[in-house]
Amino acid sequence: MKTENNKAAGAKEVTLSFLKALNEEDFKAARGYLNDDMKFIGVMGTRDSGDAYIKDMEKMKFKYKIQKVFEDGNDVSVFYDIDMGGTTIFCSGWYHLSNRKISTLNVIFDPRPLLEKK
């Protein structure tokens, strides 16, 4: 991955570019930031490939409002408010990159506001 100024992108830049693509509903670009065998682990389930994760994102169309980002080598932690279709939830995402692409994503949040809507 390269940034707009053609330098090799670090983990933070890749992660923020991925989230920007999701916010813009550019799912093809978002998929390009994921390893094929990307693993998603969340409160409500897991996904075992970049394709499966993007397929879900195309349906859900979440919007991310980033509050804070921390980078440590190939790991990035993001605190964000996620608009999950009318309900906004404060979440934490831990992104691990390998070969300049996201290989794992662990997301934690309190699911009660979503469960109460059902």
C-alpha atoms as a PDB file:
ATOM      1  CA  MET A   1       0.000   0.000   0.000  1.00  0.00           C
ATOM      2  CA  LYS A   2       1.156   3.500  -0.722  1.00  0.00           C
ATOM      3  CA  THR A   3      -0.148   6.811   0.493  1.00  0.00           C
ATOM      4  CA  GLU A   4      -1.109   9.640  -1.825  1.00  0.00           C
ATOM      5  CA  ASN A   5       2.414  11.067  -1.747  1.00  0.00           C
ATOM      6  CA  ASN A   6       3.772   7.665  -2.837  1.00  0.00           C
ATOM      7  CA  LYS A   7       5.586   6.786   0.390  1.00  0.00           C
ATOM      8  CA  ALA A   8       5.149   3.337   1.883  1.00  0.00           C
ATOM      9  CA  ALA A   9       2.239   3.583   4.306  1.00  0.00           C
ATOM     10  CA  GLY A  10       2.625   2.617   7.956  1.00  0.00           C
ATOM     11  CA  ALA A  11       0.096   0.631   9.969  1.00  0.00           C
ATOM     12  CA  LYS A  12      -1.753   3.742  11.149  1.00  0.00           C
ATOM     13  CA  GLU A  13      -2.070   5.152   7.624  1.00  0.00           C
ATOM     14  CA  VAL A  14      -3.310   1.832   6.226  1.00  0.00           C
ATOM     15  CA  THR A  15      -5.897   1.512   8.998  1.00  0.00           C
ATOM     16  CA  LEU A  16      -7.155   5.076   8.587  1.00  0.00           C
ATOM     17  CA  SER A  17      -7.324   4.655   4.798  1.00  0.00           C
ATOM     18  CA  PHE A  18      -9.350   1.474   5.301  1.00  0.00           C
ATOM     19  CA  LEU A  19     -11.810   3.236   7.599  1.00  0.00           C
ATOM     20  CA  LYS A  20     -12.083   6.166   5.178  1.00  0.00           C
ATOM     21  CA  ALA A  21     -12.948   3.758   2.356  1.00  0.00           C
ATOM     22  CA  LEU A  22     -15.649   2.140   4.514  1.00  0.00           C
ATOM     23  CA  ASN A  23     -17.102   5.556   5.400  1.00  0.00           C
ATOM     24  CA  GLU A  24     -17.206   6.433   1.703  1.00  0.00           C
ATOM     25  CA  GLU A  25     -18.761   3.035   0.870  1.00  0.00           C
ATOM     26  CA  ASP A  26     -15.844   2.299  -1.441  1.00  0.00           C
ATOM     27  CA  PHE A  27     -15.846  -1.386  -0.577  1.00  0.00           C
ATOM     28  CA  LYS A  28     -13.492  -2.354  -3.403  1.00  0.00           C
ATOM     29  CA  ALA A  29     -10.849   0.019  -2.027  1.00  0.00           C
ATOM     30  CA  ALA A  30     -11.543  -1.187   1.532  1.00  0.00           C
ATOM     31  CA  ARG A  31     -11.051  -4.799   0.450  1.00  0.00           C
ATOM     32  CA  GLY A  32      -7.632  -3.868  -0.918  1.00  0.00           C
ATOM     33  CA  TYR A  33      -6.438  -3.073   2.625  1.00  0.00           C
ATOM     34  CA  LEU A  34      -7.287  -6.598   3.897  1.00  0.00           C
ATOM     35  CA  ASN A  35      -5.310  -9.831   3.654  1.00  0.00           C
ATOM     36  CA  ASP A  36      -7.263 -12.625   1.970  1.00  0.00           C
ATOM     37  CA  ASP A  37      -7.236 -14.664   5.197  1.00  0.00           C
ATOM     38  CA  MET A  38      -8.102 -11.684   7.416  1.00  0.00           C
ATOM     39  CA  LYS A  39      -9.745 -12.727  10.690  1.00  0.00           C
ATOM     40  CA  PHE A  40     -12.452 -10.573  12.295  1.00  0.00           C
ATOM     41  CA  ILE A  41     -13.375 -11.222  15.927  1.00  0.00           C
ATOM     42  CA  GLY A  42     -16.255  -9.207  17.337  1.00  0.00           C
ATOM     43  CA  VAL A  43     -18.828  -9.194  20.090  1.00  0.00           C
ATOM     44  CA  MET A  44     -21.575 -10.466  17.781  1.00  0.00           C
ATOM     45  CA  GLY A  45     -19.551 -12.936  15.674  1.00  0.00           C
ATOM     46  CA  THR A  46     -16.461 -13.730  13.634  1.00  0.00           C
ATOM     47  CA  ARG A  47     -15.458 -13.762   9.962  1.00  0.00           C
ATOM     48  CA  ASP A  48     -12.638 -15.798   8.430  1.00  0.00           C
ATOM     49  CA  SER A  49     -11.751 -13.898   5.262  1.00  0.00           C
ATOM     50  CA  GLY A  50     -11.438 -10.432   3.836  1.00  0.00           C
ATOM     51  CA  ASP A  51     -14.207 -11.229   1.343  1.00  0.00           C
ATOM     52  CA  ALA A  52     -16.642 -12.343   4.080  1.00  0.00           C
ATOM     53  CA  TYR A  53     -15.920  -9.232   6.149  1.00  0.00           C
ATOM     54  CA  ILE A  54     -16.450  -6.860   3.211  1.00  0.00           C
ATOM     55  CA  LYS A  55     -19.654  -8.673   2.217  1.00  0.00           C
ATOM     56  CA  ASP A  56     -21.050  -7.881   5.678  1.00  0.00           C
ATOM     57  CA  MET A  57     -19.835  -4.278   5.543  1.00  0.00           C
ATOM     58  CA  GLU A  58     -21.589  -3.787   2.186  1.00  0.00           C
ATOM     59  CA  LYS A  59     -24.874  -4.742   3.874  1.00  0.00           C
ATOM     60  CA  MET A  60     -24.385  -2.836   7.146  1.00  0.00           C
ATOM     61  CA  LYS A  61     -22.774   0.363   5.799  1.00  0.00           C
ATOM     62  CA  PHE A  62     -21.468   1.455   9.220  1.00  0.00           C
ATOM     63  CA  LYS A  63     -20.065   4.964   9.604  1.00  0.00           C
ATOM     64  CA  TYR A  64     -16.981   5.517  11.767  1.00  0.00           C
ATOM     65  CA  LYS A  65     -16.261   8.702  13.712  1.00  0.00           C
ATOM     66  CA  ILE A  66     -12.691   8.307  14.945  1.00  0.00           C
ATOM     67  CA  GLN A  67     -11.966   9.610  18.443  1.00  0.00           C
ATOM     68  CA  LYS A  68      -8.363   8.436  19.034  1.00  0.00           C
ATOM     69  CA  VAL A  69      -5.724   6.305  17.272  1.00  0.00           C
ATOM     70  CA  PHE A  70      -2.676   4.587  18.779  1.00  0.00           C
ATOM     71  CA  GLU A  71       0.051   2.838  16.785  1.00  0.00           C
ATOM     72  CA  ASP A  72       2.629   0.344  18.042  1.00  0.00           C
ATOM     73  CA  GLY A  73       4.581  -1.275  15.219  1.00  0.00           C
ATOM     74  CA  ASN A  74       2.144  -3.391  13.209  1.00  0.00           C
ATOM     75  CA  ASP A  75      -0.684  -2.869  15.703  1.00  0.00           C
ATOM     76  CA  VAL A  76      -3.199  -0.027  15.642  1.00  0.00           C
ATOM     77  CA  SER A  77      -5.871   0.672  18.240  1.00  0.00           C
ATOM     78  CA  VAL A  78      -8.777   2.904  17.283  1.00  0.00           C
ATOM     79  CA  PHE A  79     -11.460   4.313  19.561  1.00  0.00           C
ATOM     80  CA  TYR A  80     -14.478   5.331  17.519  1.00  0.00           C
ATOM     81  CA  ASP A  81     -18.191   5.934  17.546  1.00  0.00           C
ATOM     82  CA  ILE A  82     -19.816   3.633  15.015  1.00  0.00           C
ATOM     83  CA  ASP A  83     -23.216   4.481  13.582  1.00  0.00           C
ATOM     84  CA  MET A  84     -24.801   1.062  13.264  1.00  0.00           C
ATOM     85  CA  GLY A  85     -27.925   2.079  11.389  1.00  0.00           C
ATOM     86  CA  GLY A  86     -29.522   4.529  13.796  1.00  0.00           C
ATOM     87  CA  THR A  87     -27.698   3.430  16.930  1.00  0.00           C
ATOM     88  CA  THR A  88     -24.284   4.906  17.647  1.00  0.00           C
ATOM     89  CA  ILE A  89     -21.985   2.754  19.770  1.00  0.00           C
ATOM     90  CA  PHE A  90     -18.580   3.624  21.267  1.00  0.00           C
ATOM     91  CA  CYS A  91     -16.163   0.859  20.206  1.00  0.00           C
ATOM     92  CA  SER A  92     -12.529  -0.116  20.302  1.00  0.00           C
ATOM     93  CA  GLY A  93     -10.875  -1.823  17.352  1.00  0.00           C
ATOM     94  CA  TRP A  94      -7.474  -3.514  17.455  1.00  0.00           C
ATOM     95  CA  TYR A  95      -6.005  -3.899  13.958  1.00  0.00           C
ATOM     96  CA  HIS A  96      -2.943  -6.075  13.344  1.00  0.00           C
ATOM     97  CA  LEU A  97      -1.191  -5.740  10.000  1.00  0.00           C
ATOM     98  CA  SER A  98       1.109  -8.068   8.131  1.00  0.00           C
ATOM     99  CA  ASN A  99       2.622  -7.248   4.749  1.00  0.00           C
ATOM    100  CA  ARG A 100       1.061  -3.771   5.019  1.00  0.00           C
ATOM    101  CA  LYS A 101      -2.473  -5.193   5.078  1.00  0.00           C
ATOM    102  CA  ILE A 102      -4.926  -5.823   7.907  1.00  0.00           C
ATOM    103  CA  SER A 103      -4.686  -9.459   9.004  1.00  0.00           C
ATOM    104  CA  THR A 104      -6.755  -9.400  12.208  1.00  0.00           C
ATOM    105  CA  LEU A 105      -9.382  -7.074  13.630  1.00  0.00           C
ATOM    106  CA  ASN A 106     -10.734  -7.452  17.155  1.00  0.00           C
ATOM    107  CA  VAL A 107     -13.643  -5.163  18.054  1.00  0.00           C
ATOM    108  CA  ILE A 108     -15.177  -4.718  21.487  1.00  0.00           C
ATOM    109  CA  PHE A 109     -18.228  -2.724  22.558  1.00  0.00           C
ATOM    110  CA  ASP A 110     -21.241  -2.924  24.842  1.00  0.00           C
ATOM    111  CA  PRO A 111     -23.947  -4.573  22.686  1.00  0.00           C
ATOM    112  CA  ARG A 112     -26.902  -3.782  24.977  1.00  0.00           C
ATOM    113  CA  PRO A 113     -28.222  -0.833  22.921  1.00  0.00           C
ATOM    114  CA  LEU A 114     -28.392  -3.093  19.839  1.00  0.00           C
ATOM    115  CA  LEU A 115     -29.961  -5.989  21.718  1.00  0.00           C
ATOM    116  CA  GLU A 116     -32.591  -3.718  23.275  1.00  0.00           C
ATOM    117  CA  LYS A 117     -33.795  -2.688  19.798  1.00  0.00           C
ATOM    118  CA  LYS A 118     -34.804  -6.273  18.936  1.00  0.00           C
END
